PDB file of N, CA and C in Angstrom:
ATOM      1  N   THR A   1     -96.362 -55.384  20.098  1.00  0.00           N
ATOM      2  CA  THR A   1     -95.035 -55.686  20.603  1.00  0.00           C
ATOM      3  C   THR A   1     -94.170 -54.436  20.573  1.00  0.00           C
ATOM      4  N   ALA A   2     -92.962 -54.563  21.103  1.00  0.00           N
ATOM      5  CA  ALA A   2     -92.064 -53.418  21.204  1.00  0.00           C
ATOM      6  C   ALA A   2     -91.634 -52.894  19.832  1.00  0.00           C
ATOM      7  N   LEU A   3     -91.621 -53.738  18.832  1.00  0.00           N
ATOM      8  CA  LEU A   3     -91.147 -53.331  17.503  1.00  0.00           C
ATOM      9  C   LEU A   3     -92.253 -52.834  16.583  1.00  0.00           C
ATOM     10  N   HIS A   4     -93.493 -52.848  17.036  1.00  0.00           N
ATOM     11  CA  HIS A   4     -94.621 -52.503  16.166  1.00  0.00           C
ATOM     12  C   HIS A   4     -94.491 -51.098  15.581  1.00  0.00           C
ATOM     13  N   ASN A   5     -94.275 -50.104  16.408  1.00  0.00           N
ATOM     14  CA  ASN A   5     -94.182 -48.726  15.911  1.00  0.00           C
ATOM     15  C   ASN A   5     -92.968 -48.525  15.018  1.00  0.00           C
ATOM     16  N   THR A   6     -91.855 -49.160  15.356  1.00  0.00           N
ATOM     17  CA  THR A   6     -90.662 -49.077  14.507  1.00  0.00           C
ATOM     18  C   THR A   6     -90.949 -49.678  13.140  1.00  0.00           C
ATOM     19  N   ALA A   7     -91.614 -50.818  13.113  1.00  0.00           N
ATOM     20  CA  ALA A   7     -91.949 -51.464  11.845  1.00  0.00           C
ATOM     21  C   ALA A   7     -92.868 -50.587  11.007  1.00  0.00           C
ATOM     22  N   LEU A   8     -93.847 -49.945  11.632  1.00  0.00           N
ATOM     23  CA  LEU A   8     -94.744 -49.048  10.898  1.00  0.00           C
ATOM     24  C   LEU A   8     -93.979 -47.873  10.302  1.00  0.00           C
ATOM     25  N   ARG A   9     -93.057 -47.300  11.086  1.00  0.00           N
ATOM     26  CA  ARG A   9     -92.268 -46.169  10.570  1.00  0.00           C
ATOM     27  C   ARG A   9     -91.423 -46.585   9.370  1.00  0.00           C
ATOM     28  N   ILE A  10     -90.793 -47.752   9.454  1.00  0.00           N
ATOM     29  CA  ILE A  10     -89.949 -48.217   8.351  1.00  0.00           C
ATOM     30  C   ILE A  10     -90.793 -48.539   7.119  1.00  0.00           C
ATOM     31  N   ALA A  11     -91.885 -49.254   7.306  1.00  0.00           N
ATOM     32  CA  ALA A  11     -92.709 -49.692   6.177  1.00  0.00           C
ATOM     33  C   ALA A  11     -93.415 -48.540   5.480  1.00  0.00           C
ATOM     34  N   ASN A  12     -93.718 -47.469   6.206  1.00  0.00           N
ATOM     35  CA  ASN A  12     -94.494 -46.371   5.626  1.00  0.00           C
ATOM     36  C   ASN A  12     -93.699 -45.098   5.398  1.00  0.00           C
ATOM     37  N   SER A  13     -92.410 -45.115   5.705  1.00  0.00           N
ATOM     38  CA  SER A  13     -91.578 -43.928   5.530  1.00  0.00           C
ATOM     39  C   SER A  13     -91.356 -43.642   4.048  1.00  0.00           C
ATOM     40  N   SER A  14     -91.338 -42.376   3.691  1.00  0.00           N
ATOM     41  CA  SER A  14     -91.097 -42.016   2.292  1.00  0.00           C
ATOM     42  C   SER A  14     -89.612 -41.861   1.992  1.00  0.00           C
ATOM     43  N   LEU A  15     -88.771 -41.772   3.035  1.00  0.00           N
ATOM     44  CA  LEU A  15     -87.329 -41.623   2.851  1.00  0.00           C
ATOM     45  C   LEU A  15     -86.575 -42.724   3.577  1.00  0.00           C
ATOM     46  N   VAL A  16     -85.378 -43.047   3.069  1.00  0.00           N
ATOM     47  CA  VAL A  16     -84.491 -43.998   3.719  1.00  0.00           C
ATOM     48  C   VAL A  16     -83.596 -43.204   4.660  1.00  0.00           C
ATOM     49  N   VAL A  17     -83.519 -43.623   5.923  1.00  0.00           N
ATOM     50  CA  VAL A  17     -82.719 -42.919   6.923  1.00  0.00           C
ATOM     51  C   VAL A  17     -81.547 -43.793   7.316  1.00  0.00           C
ATOM     52  N   GLY A  18     -80.342 -43.211   7.322  1.00  0.00           N
ATOM     53  CA  GLY A  18     -79.139 -43.950   7.686  1.00  0.00           C
ATOM     54  C   GLY A  18     -78.989 -44.088   9.186  1.00  0.00           C
ATOM     55  N   GLN A  19     -77.982 -44.854   9.606  1.00  0.00           N
ATOM     56  CA  GLN A  19     -77.683 -45.080  11.023  1.00  0.00           C
ATOM     57  C   GLN A  19     -76.243 -44.682  11.306  1.00  0.00           C
ATOM     58  N   GLY A  20     -75.920 -44.390  12.576  1.00  0.00           N
ATOM     59  CA  GLY A  20     -74.556 -44.086  12.991  1.00  0.00           C
ATOM     60  C   GLY A  20     -74.019 -42.870  12.269  1.00  0.00           C
ATOM     61  N   ALA A  21     -72.877 -43.033  11.576  1.00  0.00           N
ATOM     62  CA  ALA A  21     -72.252 -41.925  10.849  1.00  0.00           C
ATOM     63  C   ALA A  21     -73.139 -41.437   9.713  1.00  0.00           C
ATOM     64  N   ASP A  22     -74.027 -42.285   9.233  1.00  0.00           N
ATOM     65  CA  ASP A  22     -74.943 -41.932   8.150  1.00  0.00           C
ATOM     66  C   ASP A  22     -76.308 -41.541   8.702  1.00  0.00           C
ATOM     67  N   ALA A  23     -76.344 -40.941   9.896  1.00  0.00           N
ATOM     68  CA  ALA A  23     -77.611 -40.668  10.576  1.00  0.00           C
ATOM     69  C   ALA A  23     -78.481 -39.649   9.855  1.00  0.00           C
ATOM     70  N   GLY A  24     -77.933 -38.864   8.957  1.00  0.00           N
ATOM     71  CA  GLY A  24     -78.741 -37.916   8.198  1.00  0.00           C
ATOM     72  C   GLY A  24     -79.582 -38.645   7.171  1.00  0.00           C
ATOM     73  N   LEU A  25     -80.467 -37.948   6.552  1.00  0.00           N
ATOM     74  CA  LEU A  25     -81.278 -38.564   5.500  1.00  0.00           C
ATOM     75  C   LEU A  25     -80.385 -39.006   4.363  1.00  0.00           C
ATOM     76  N   ALA A  26     -80.582 -40.189   3.890  1.00  0.00           N
ATOM     77  CA  ALA A  26     -79.776 -40.715   2.796  1.00  0.00           C
ATOM     78  C   ALA A  26     -80.154 -40.060   1.478  1.00  0.00           C
ATOM     79  N   GLY A  27     -81.295 -39.391   1.441  1.00  0.00           N
ATOM     80  CA  GLY A  27     -81.704 -38.713   0.219  1.00  0.00           C
ATOM     81  C   GLY A  27     -82.359 -39.619  -0.798  1.00  0.00           C
ATOM     82  N   ASN A  28     -82.595 -40.837  -0.429  1.00  0.00           N
ATOM     83  CA  ASN A  28     -83.212 -41.785  -1.348  1.00  0.00           C
ATOM     84  C   ASN A  28     -84.667 -42.020  -0.974  1.00  0.00           C
ATOM     85  N   THR A  29     -85.480 -42.167  -1.981  1.00  0.00           N
ATOM     86  CA  THR A  29     -86.882 -42.494  -1.756  1.00  0.00           C
ATOM     87  C   THR A  29     -86.991 -43.957  -1.348  1.00  0.00           C
ATOM     88  N   ASN A  30     -87.834 -44.237  -0.384  1.00  0.00           N
ATOM     89  CA  ASN A  30     -88.080 -45.608   0.047  1.00  0.00           C
ATOM     90  C   ASN A  30     -88.993 -46.267  -0.985  1.00  0.00           C
ATOM     91  N   VAL A  31     -88.399 -47.055  -1.874  1.00  0.00           N
ATOM     92  CA  VAL A  31     -89.169 -47.672  -2.961  1.00  0.00           C
ATOM     93  C   VAL A  31     -90.108 -48.767  -2.451  1.00  0.00           C
ATOM     94  N   TYR A  32     -89.933 -49.173  -1.210  1.00  0.00           N
ATOM     95  CA  TYR A  32     -90.787 -50.212  -0.627  1.00  0.00           C
ATOM     96  C   TYR A  32     -91.907 -49.632   0.220  1.00  0.00           C
ATOM     97  N   GLN A  33     -92.056 -48.319   0.228  1.00  0.00           N
ATOM     98  CA  GLN A  33     -93.074 -47.661   1.051  1.00  0.00           C
ATOM     99  C   GLN A  33     -94.465 -48.205   0.730  1.00  0.00           C
ATOM    100  N   GLY A  34     -95.173 -48.643   1.773  1.00  0.00           N
ATOM    101  CA  GLY A  34     -96.544 -49.111   1.618  1.00  0.00           C
ATOM    102  C   GLY A  34     -96.706 -50.483   0.996  1.00  0.00           C
ATOM    103  N   ARG A  35     -95.603 -51.171   0.691  1.00  0.00           N
ATOM    104  CA  ARG A  35     -95.707 -52.475   0.037  1.00  0.00           C
ATOM    105  C   ARG A  35     -95.817 -53.633   1.018  1.00  0.00           C
ATOM    106  N   TYR A  36     -95.642 -53.332   2.300  1.00  0.00           N
ATOM    107  CA  TYR A  36     -95.665 -54.391   3.312  1.00  0.00           C
ATOM    108  C   TYR A  36     -96.754 -54.135   4.330  1.00  0.00           C
ATOM    109  N   GLN A  37     -97.316 -55.198   4.833  1.00  0.00           N
ATOM    110  CA  GLN A  37     -98.326 -55.115   5.882  1.00  0.00           C
ATOM    111  C   GLN A  37     -97.652 -55.514   7.190  1.00  0.00           C
ATOM    112  N   VAL A  38     -97.707 -54.641   8.181  1.00  0.00           N
ATOM    113  CA  VAL A  38     -97.104 -54.921   9.480  1.00  0.00           C
ATOM    114  C   VAL A  38     -98.103 -55.713  10.322  1.00  0.00           C
ATOM    115  N   VAL A  39     -97.671 -56.880  10.779  1.00  0.00           N
ATOM    116  CA  VAL A  39     -98.496 -57.742  11.625  1.00  0.00           C
ATOM    117  C   VAL A  39     -97.684 -58.055  12.875  1.00  0.00           C
ATOM    118  N   THR A  40     -98.279 -57.893  14.034  1.00  0.00           N
ATOM    119  CA  THR A  40     -97.575 -58.187  15.279  1.00  0.00           C
ATOM    120  C   THR A  40     -98.372 -59.179  16.115  1.00  0.00           C
ATOM    121  N   THR A  41     -97.658 -59.855  16.999  1.00  0.00           N
ATOM    122  CA  THR A  41     -98.290 -60.795  17.918  1.00  0.00           C
ATOM    123  C   THR A  41     -97.518 -60.799  19.228  1.00  0.00           C
ATOM    124  N   PRO A  42     -98.198 -60.865  20.346  1.00  0.00           N
ATOM    125  CA  PRO A  42     -97.496 -60.912  21.628  1.00  0.00           C
ATOM    126  C   PRO A  42     -96.811 -62.256  21.881  1.00  0.00           C
ATOM    127  N   TYR A  43     -97.114 -63.274  21.116  1.00  0.00           N
ATOM    128  CA  TYR A  43     -96.530 -64.595  21.336  1.00  0.00           C
ATOM    129  C   TYR A  43     -95.026 -64.615  21.078  1.00  0.00           C
ATOM    130  N   LEU A  44     -94.538 -63.835  20.115  1.00  0.00           N
ATOM    131  CA  LEU A  44     -93.121 -63.872  19.773  1.00  0.00           C
ATOM    132  C   LEU A  44     -92.231 -63.353  20.890  1.00  0.00           C
ATOM    133  N   SER A  45     -92.730 -62.443  21.720  1.00  0.00           N
ATOM    134  CA  SER A  45     -91.919 -61.876  22.802  1.00  0.00           C
ATOM    135  C   SER A  45     -92.328 -62.398  24.179  1.00  0.00           C
ATOM    136  N   ASN A  46     -93.137 -63.435  24.225  1.00  0.00           N
ATOM    137  CA  ASN A  46     -93.619 -63.994  25.489  1.00  0.00           C
ATOM    138  C   ASN A  46     -92.580 -64.960  26.055  1.00  0.00           C
ATOM    139  N   ALA A  47     -92.048 -64.645  27.245  1.00  0.00           N
ATOM    140  CA  ALA A  47     -91.001 -65.458  27.864  1.00  0.00           C
ATOM    141  C   ALA A  47     -91.473 -66.864  28.222  1.00  0.00           C
ATOM    142  N   SER A  48     -92.762 -67.129  28.171  1.00  0.00           N
ATOM    143  CA  SER A  48     -93.285 -68.467  28.467  1.00  0.00           C
ATOM    144  C   SER A  48     -93.017 -69.451  27.334  1.00  0.00           C
ATOM    145  N   TYR A  49     -92.642 -68.956  26.151  1.00  0.00           N
ATOM    146  CA  TYR A  49     -92.427 -69.811  24.991  1.00  0.00           C
ATOM    147  C   TYR A  49     -90.943 -69.999  24.723  1.00  0.00           C
ATOM    148  N   THR A  50     -90.550 -71.203  24.359  1.00  0.00           N
ATOM    149  CA  THR A  50     -89.172 -71.495  23.995  1.00  0.00           C
ATOM    150  C   THR A  50     -88.805 -70.717  22.732  1.00  0.00           C
ATOM    151  N   GLY A  51     -87.621 -70.127  22.718  1.00  0.00           N
ATOM    152  CA  GLY A  51     -87.156 -69.398  21.545  1.00  0.00           C
ATOM    153  C   GLY A  51     -87.741 -68.014  21.401  1.00  0.00           C
ATOM    154  N   PHE A  52     -88.349 -67.472  22.455  1.00  0.00           N
ATOM    155  CA  PHE A  52     -88.958 -66.138  22.371  1.00  0.00           C
ATOM    156  C   PHE A  52     -87.880 -65.074  22.169  1.00  0.00           C
ATOM    157  N   SER A  53     -88.271 -63.949  21.605  1.00  0.00           N
ATOM    158  CA  SER A  53     -87.371 -62.806  21.455  1.00  0.00           C
ATOM    159  C   SER A  53     -88.204 -61.543  21.345  1.00  0.00           C
ATOM    160  N   ALA A  54     -87.782 -60.515  22.071  1.00  0.00           N
ATOM    161  CA  ALA A  54     -88.479 -59.232  22.010  1.00  0.00           C
ATOM    162  C   ALA A  54     -87.953 -58.370  20.876  1.00  0.00           C
ATOM    163  N   VAL A  55     -86.846 -58.785  20.236  1.00  0.00           N
ATOM    164  CA  VAL A  55     -86.246 -57.953  19.193  1.00  0.00           C
ATOM    165  C   VAL A  55     -86.167 -58.640  17.829  1.00  0.00           C
ATOM    166  N   ALA A  56     -86.423 -59.939  17.749  1.00  0.00           N
ATOM    167  CA  ALA A  56     -86.384 -60.624  16.455  1.00  0.00           C
ATOM    168  C   ALA A  56     -87.572 -60.191  15.600  1.00  0.00           C
ATOM    169  N   TRP A  57     -87.406 -60.239  14.285  1.00  0.00           N
ATOM    170  CA  TRP A  57     -88.478 -59.864  13.367  1.00  0.00           C
ATOM    171  C   TRP A  57     -88.471 -60.830  12.184  1.00  0.00           C
ATOM    172  N   TYR A  58     -89.584 -60.887  11.482  1.00  0.00           N
ATOM    173  CA  TYR A  58     -89.745 -61.788  10.343  1.00  0.00           C
ATOM    174  C   TYR A  58     -90.309 -61.005   9.161  1.00  0.00           C
ATOM    175  N   LEU A  59     -89.899 -61.365   7.968  1.00  0.00           N
ATOM    176  CA  LEU A  59     -90.456 -60.801   6.745  1.00  0.00           C
ATOM    177  C   LEU A  59     -90.886 -61.991   5.889  1.00  0.00           C
ATOM    178  N   LEU A  60     -92.172 -62.074   5.600  1.00  0.00           N
ATOM    179  CA  LEU A  60     -92.725 -63.208   4.864  1.00  0.00           C
ATOM    180  C   LEU A  60     -93.379 -62.742   3.570  1.00  0.00           C
ATOM    181  N   ALA A  61     -93.224 -63.541   2.530  1.00  0.00           N
ATOM    182  CA  ALA A  61     -93.871 -63.256   1.253  1.00  0.00           C
ATOM    183  C   ALA A  61     -95.364 -63.558   1.363  1.00  0.00           C
ATOM    184  N   ASN A  62     -96.109 -63.063   0.404  1.00  0.00           N
ATOM    185  CA  ASN A  62     -97.531 -63.392   0.326  1.00  0.00           C
ATOM    186  C   ASN A  62     -97.650 -64.907   0.162  1.00  0.00           C
ATOM    187  N   PRO A  63     -98.382 -65.595   1.040  1.00  0.00           N
ATOM    188  CA  PRO A  63     -98.475 -67.047   0.929  1.00  0.00           C
ATOM    189  C   PRO A  63     -99.083 -67.529  -0.386  1.00  0.00           C
ATOM    190  N   ALA A  64     -99.825 -66.678  -1.068  1.00  0.00           N
ATOM    191  CA  ALA A  64    -100.370 -67.065  -2.373  1.00  0.00           C
ATOM    192  C   ALA A  64     -99.266 -67.114  -3.425  1.00  0.00           C
ATOM    193  N   ASP A  65     -98.187 -66.353  -3.206  1.00  0.00           N
ATOM    194  CA  ASP A  65     -97.072 -66.328  -4.154  1.00  0.00           C
ATOM    195  C   ASP A  65     -95.985 -67.332  -3.797  1.00  0.00           C
ATOM    196  N   MET A  66     -95.624 -67.388  -2.520  1.00  0.00           N
ATOM    197  CA  MET A  66     -94.520 -68.233  -2.087  1.00  0.00           C
ATOM    198  C   MET A  66     -94.733 -68.658  -0.629  1.00  0.00           C
ATOM    199  N   PRO A  67     -95.496 -69.719  -0.395  1.00  0.00           N
ATOM    200  CA  PRO A  67     -95.780 -70.127   0.984  1.00  0.00           C
ATOM    201  C   PRO A  67     -94.558 -70.737   1.664  1.00  0.00           C
ATOM    202  N   VAL A  68     -94.300 -70.315   2.898  1.00  0.00           N
ATOM    203  CA  VAL A  68     -93.221 -70.894   3.690  1.00  0.00           C
ATOM    204  C   VAL A  68     -93.703 -72.207   4.302  1.00  0.00           C
ATOM    205  N   ILE A  69     -94.929 -72.208   4.775  1.00  0.00           N
ATOM    206  CA  ILE A  69     -95.538 -73.395   5.374  1.00  0.00           C
ATOM    207  C   ILE A  69     -96.877 -73.640   4.683  1.00  0.00           C
ATOM    208  N   GLU A  70     -97.148 -74.898   4.397  1.00  0.00           N
ATOM    209  CA  GLU A  70     -98.436 -75.244   3.798  1.00  0.00           C
ATOM    210  C   GLU A  70     -99.218 -76.119   4.768  1.00  0.00           C
ATOM    211  N   THR A  71    -100.487 -75.831   4.900  1.00  0.00           N
ATOM    212  CA  THR A  71    -101.373 -76.616   5.757  1.00  0.00           C
ATOM    213  C   THR A  71    -102.406 -77.300   4.872  1.00  0.00           C
ATOM    214  N   VAL A  72    -102.601 -78.585   5.096  1.00  0.00           N
ATOM    215  CA  VAL A  72    -103.592 -79.340   4.332  1.00  0.00           C
ATOM    216  C   VAL A  72    -104.551 -80.016   5.309  1.00  0.00           C
ATOM    217  N   PHE A  73    -105.756 -80.280   4.831  1.00  0.00           N
ATOM    218  CA  PHE A  73    -106.803 -80.864   5.659  1.00  0.00           C
ATOM    219  C   PHE A  73    -107.276 -82.166   5.032  1.00  0.00           C
ATOM    220  N   LEU A  74    -107.574 -83.144   5.875  1.00  0.00           N
ATOM    221  CA  LEU A  74    -108.049 -84.432   5.401  1.00  0.00           C
ATOM    222  C   LEU A  74    -109.405 -84.259   4.724  1.00  0.00           C
ATOM    223  N   ASN A  75    -109.500 -84.705   3.499  1.00  0.00           N
ATOM    224  CA  ASN A  75    -110.723 -84.612   2.696  1.00  0.00           C
ATOM    225  C   ASN A  75    -111.223 -83.178   2.558  1.00  0.00           C
ATOM    226  N   GLY A  76    -110.347 -82.198   2.683  1.00  0.00           N
ATOM    227  CA  GLY A  76    -110.720 -80.792   2.508  1.00  0.00           C
ATOM    228  C   GLY A  76    -111.542 -80.206   3.637  1.00  0.00           C
ATOM    229  N   LYS A  77    -111.721 -80.919   4.734  1.00  0.00           N
ATOM    230  CA  LYS A  77    -112.540 -80.430   5.858  1.00  0.00           C
ATOM    231  C   LYS A  77    -111.664 -79.560   6.760  1.00  0.00           C
ATOM    232  N   ASP A  78    -111.860 -78.231   6.692  1.00  0.00           N
ATOM    233  CA  ASP A  78    -110.999 -77.307   7.435  1.00  0.00           C
ATOM    234  C   ASP A  78    -111.618 -76.781   8.727  1.00  0.00           C
ATOM    235  N   THR A  79    -112.683 -77.427   9.195  1.00  0.00           N
ATOM    236  CA  THR A  79    -113.282 -77.065  10.484  1.00  0.00           C
ATOM    237  C   THR A  79    -113.218 -78.288  11.397  1.00  0.00           C
ATOM    238  N   PRO A  80    -113.101 -78.074  12.696  1.00  0.00           N
ATOM    239  CA  PRO A  80    -113.013 -79.222  13.603  1.00  0.00           C
ATOM    240  C   PRO A  80    -114.346 -79.962  13.720  1.00  0.00           C
ATOM    241  N   THR A  81    -114.260 -81.220  14.056  1.00  0.00           N
ATOM    242  CA  THR A  81    -115.436 -82.022  14.365  1.00  0.00           C
ATOM    243  C   THR A  81    -115.698 -81.889  15.864  1.00  0.00           C
ATOM    244  N   VAL A  82    -116.907 -81.504  16.229  1.00  0.00           N
ATOM    245  CA  VAL A  82    -117.279 -81.340  17.638  1.00  0.00           C
ATOM    246  C   VAL A  82    -118.346 -82.375  17.964  1.00  0.00           C
ATOM    247  N   GLU A  83    -118.095 -83.144  19.010  1.00  0.00           N
ATOM    248  CA  GLU A  83    -119.038 -84.171  19.441  1.00  0.00           C
ATOM    249  C   GLU A  83    -119.483 -83.869  20.866  1.00  0.00           C
ATOM    250  N   SER A  84    -120.729 -84.185  21.174  1.00  0.00           N
ATOM    251  CA  SER A  84    -121.241 -83.963  22.531  1.00  0.00           C
ATOM    252  C   SER A  84    -121.939 -85.222  23.022  1.00  0.00           C
ATOM    253  N   ALA A  85    -121.971 -85.359  24.338  1.00  0.00           N
ATOM    254  CA  ALA A  85    -122.655 -86.492  24.963  1.00  0.00           C
ATOM    255  C   ALA A  85    -123.146 -86.053  26.332  1.00  0.00           C
ATOM    256  N   GLN A  86    -124.176 -86.712  26.803  1.00  0.00           N
ATOM    257  CA  GLN A  86    -124.675 -86.423  28.143  1.00  0.00           C
ATOM    258  C   GLN A  86    -123.661 -86.916  29.168  1.00  0.00           C
ATOM    259  N   ALA A  87    -123.467 -86.128  30.217  1.00  0.00           N
ATOM    260  CA  ALA A  87    -122.601 -86.557  31.309  1.00  0.00           C
ATOM    261  C   ALA A  87    -123.316 -87.645  32.104  1.00  0.00           C
ATOM    262  N   SER A  88    -122.588 -88.296  32.991  1.00  0.00           N
ATOM    263  CA  SER A  88    -123.220 -89.330  33.819  1.00  0.00           C
ATOM    264  C   SER A  88    -124.336 -88.709  34.661  1.00  0.00           C
ATOM    265  N   PHE A  89    -125.209 -89.544  35.159  1.00  0.00           N
ATOM    266  CA  PHE A  89    -126.386 -89.059  35.883  1.00  0.00           C
ATOM    267  C   PHE A  89    -125.998 -88.214  37.097  1.00  0.00           C
ATOM    268  N   ASN A  90    -124.878 -88.505  37.715  1.00  0.00           N
ATOM    269  CA  ASN A  90    -124.443 -87.781  38.913  1.00  0.00           C
ATOM    270  C   ASN A  90    -123.775 -86.444  38.597  1.00  0.00           C
ATOM    271  N   THR A  91    -123.553 -86.143  37.328  1.00  0.00           N
ATOM    272  CA  THR A  91    -122.910 -84.888  36.926  1.00  0.00           C
ATOM    273  C   THR A  91    -123.889 -84.074  36.103  1.00  0.00           C
ATOM    274  N   LEU A  92    -124.090 -82.835  36.498  1.00  0.00           N
ATOM    275  CA  LEU A  92    -124.987 -81.953  35.763  1.00  0.00           C
ATOM    276  C   LEU A  92    -124.225 -81.354  34.584  1.00  0.00           C
ATOM    277  N   GLY A  93    -124.686 -81.548  33.367  1.00  0.00           N
ATOM    278  CA  GLY A  93    -124.038 -80.950  32.207  1.00  0.00           C
ATOM    279  C   GLY A  93    -123.863 -81.931  31.072  1.00  0.00           C
ATOM    280  N   ILE A  94    -123.069 -81.517  30.096  1.00  0.00           N
ATOM    281  CA  ILE A  94    -122.759 -82.361  28.949  1.00  0.00           C
ATOM    282  C   ILE A  94    -121.248 -82.409  28.779  1.00  0.00           C
ATOM    283  N   GLN A  95    -120.793 -83.367  27.992  1.00  0.00           N
ATOM    284  CA  GLN A  95    -119.376 -83.503  27.672  1.00  0.00           C
ATOM    285  C   GLN A  95    -119.181 -83.121  26.214  1.00  0.00           C
ATOM    286  N   LEU A  96    -118.085 -82.434  25.927  1.00  0.00           N
ATOM    287  CA  LEU A  96    -117.752 -82.050  24.556  1.00  0.00           C
ATOM    288  C   LEU A  96    -116.336 -82.496  24.229  1.00  0.00           C
ATOM    289  N   ARG A  97    -116.118 -82.855  22.988  1.00  0.00           N
ATOM    290  CA  ARG A  97    -114.761 -83.088  22.501  1.00  0.00           C
ATOM    291  C   ARG A  97    -114.693 -82.617  21.059  1.00  0.00           C
ATOM    292  N   ALA A  98    -113.528 -82.187  20.682  1.00  0.00           N
ATOM    293  CA  ALA A  98    -113.337 -81.681  19.318  1.00  0.00           C
ATOM    294  C   ALA A  98    -112.012 -82.204  18.780  1.00  0.00           C
ATOM    295  N   TYR A  99    -111.973 -82.443  17.477  1.00  0.00           N
ATOM    296  CA  TYR A  99    -110.731 -82.864  16.839  1.00  0.00           C
ATOM    297  C   TYR A  99    -110.741 -82.421  15.385  1.00  0.00           C
ATOM    298  N   GLY A 100    -109.558 -82.319  14.833  1.00  0.00           N
ATOM    299  CA  GLY A 100    -109.413 -81.958  13.432  1.00  0.00           C
ATOM    300  C   GLY A 100    -108.260 -82.732  12.831  1.00  0.00           C
ATOM    301  N   ASP A 101    -108.350 -83.071  11.573  1.00  0.00           N
ATOM    302  CA  ASP A 101    -107.304 -83.810  10.873  1.00  0.00           C
ATOM    303  C   ASP A 101    -106.630 -82.875   9.884  1.00  0.00           C
ATOM    304  N   PHE A 102    -105.378 -82.512  10.178  1.00  0.00           N
ATOM    305  CA  PHE A 102    -104.638 -81.610   9.304  1.00  0.00           C
ATOM    306  C   PHE A 102    -103.153 -81.924   9.401  1.00  0.00           C
ATOM    307  N   GLY A 103    -102.406 -81.400   8.477  1.00  0.00           N
ATOM    308  CA  GLY A 103    -100.955 -81.557   8.485  1.00  0.00           C
ATOM    309  C   GLY A 103    -100.296 -80.298   7.966  1.00  0.00           C
ATOM    310  N   CYS A 104     -99.063 -80.058   8.413  1.00  0.00           N
ATOM    311  CA  CYS A 104     -98.295 -78.885   7.979  1.00  0.00           C
ATOM    312  C   CYS A 104     -96.931 -79.352   7.490  1.00  0.00           C
ATOM    313  N   ALA A 105     -96.398 -78.657   6.503  1.00  0.00           N
ATOM    314  CA  ALA A 105     -95.079 -78.994   5.973  1.00  0.00           C
ATOM    315  C   ALA A 105     -94.393 -77.724   5.493  1.00  0.00           C
ATOM    316  N   LEU A 106     -93.065 -77.705   5.620  1.00  0.00           N
ATOM    317  CA  LEU A 106     -92.284 -76.585   5.092  1.00  0.00           C
ATOM    318  C   LEU A 106     -92.301 -76.656   3.574  1.00  0.00           C
ATOM    319  N   GLN A 107     -92.448 -75.511   2.921  1.00  0.00           N
ATOM    320  CA  GLN A 107     -92.514 -75.473   1.469  1.00  0.00           C
ATOM    321  C   GLN A 107     -91.312 -74.748   0.861  1.00  0.00           C
ATOM    322  N   GLU A 108     -91.329 -73.435   0.866  1.00  0.00           N
ATOM    323  CA  GLU A 108     -90.317 -72.647   0.164  1.00  0.00           C
ATOM    324  C   GLU A 108     -89.554 -71.781   1.155  1.00  0.00           C
ATOM    325  N   PHE A 109     -88.281 -72.123   1.416  1.00  0.00           N
ATOM    326  CA  PHE A 109     -87.504 -71.390   2.409  1.00  0.00           C
ATOM    327  C   PHE A 109     -87.240 -69.944   1.990  1.00  0.00           C
ATOM    328  N   ARG A 110     -87.276 -69.662   0.709  1.00  0.00           N
ATOM    329  CA  ARG A 110     -87.036 -68.286   0.245  1.00  0.00           C
ATOM    330  C   ARG A 110     -88.235 -67.375   0.471  1.00  0.00           C
ATOM    331  N   GLY A 111     -89.348 -67.923   0.936  1.00  0.00           N
ATOM    332  CA  GLY A 111     -90.545 -67.130   1.185  1.00  0.00           C
ATOM    333  C   GLY A 111     -90.520 -66.366   2.489  1.00  0.00           C
ATOM    334  N   GLY A 112     -89.494 -66.582   3.313  1.00  0.00           N
ATOM    335  CA  GLY A 112     -89.433 -65.884   4.593  1.00  0.00           C
ATOM    336  C   GLY A 112     -88.017 -65.729   5.086  1.00  0.00           C
ATOM    337  N   VAL A 113     -87.810 -64.694   5.870  1.00  0.00           N
ATOM    338  CA  VAL A 113     -86.504 -64.448   6.477  1.00  0.00           C
ATOM    339  C   VAL A 113     -86.723 -63.969   7.909  1.00  0.00           C
ATOM    340  N   ARG A 114     -85.814 -64.349   8.792  1.00  0.00           N
ATOM    341  CA  ARG A 114     -85.868 -63.930  10.201  1.00  0.00           C
ATOM    342  C   ARG A 114     -84.644 -63.082  10.491  1.00  0.00           C
ATOM    343  N   GLY A 115     -84.878 -61.937  11.114  1.00  0.00           N
ATOM    344  CA  GLY A 115     -83.789 -61.084  11.573  1.00  0.00           C
ATOM    345  C   GLY A 115     -83.677 -61.197  13.080  1.00  0.00           C
ATOM    346  N   SER A 116     -82.459 -61.378  13.584  1.00  0.00           N
ATOM    347  CA  SER A 116     -82.274 -61.563  15.029  1.00  0.00           C
ATOM    348  C   SER A 116     -82.547 -60.290  15.811  1.00  0.00           C
ATOM    349  N   GLY A 117     -82.485 -59.145  15.148  1.00  0.00           N
ATOM    350  CA  GLY A 117     -82.741 -57.882  15.822  1.00  0.00           C
ATOM    351  C   GLY A 117     -81.558 -57.355  16.596  1.00  0.00           C
ATOM    352  N   ALA A 118     -80.484 -58.124  16.643  1.00  0.00           N
ATOM    353  CA  ALA A 118     -79.297 -57.690  17.397  1.00  0.00           C
ATOM    354  C   ALA A 118     -78.342 -56.923  16.505  1.00  0.00           C
TER     355      ALA A 118
END
């Protein structure tokens, strides 16, 4: 995405850089250098999706420490069930269907933050 390189520079920079009147180096070490993993996806900036944004960004905690969303599976089965059947005699091929039983719920709101980018 458009913010990928900017995110890498911020996450891996050894110095904190100011903006505007503070455009010079702030002289402070970036204590968060290397502590974050930058992950990007084209879905967030895709105009085909409701609520898309090319400039919004998210910062999420490690899900093992503080999950924002939890996903659970019925009876612990985390792979889909795939069923097949022969097509009718007039159709060459087979029929397939797949389904999975799972649920998602919001857990800890403090585990993530969204920046509008504006």
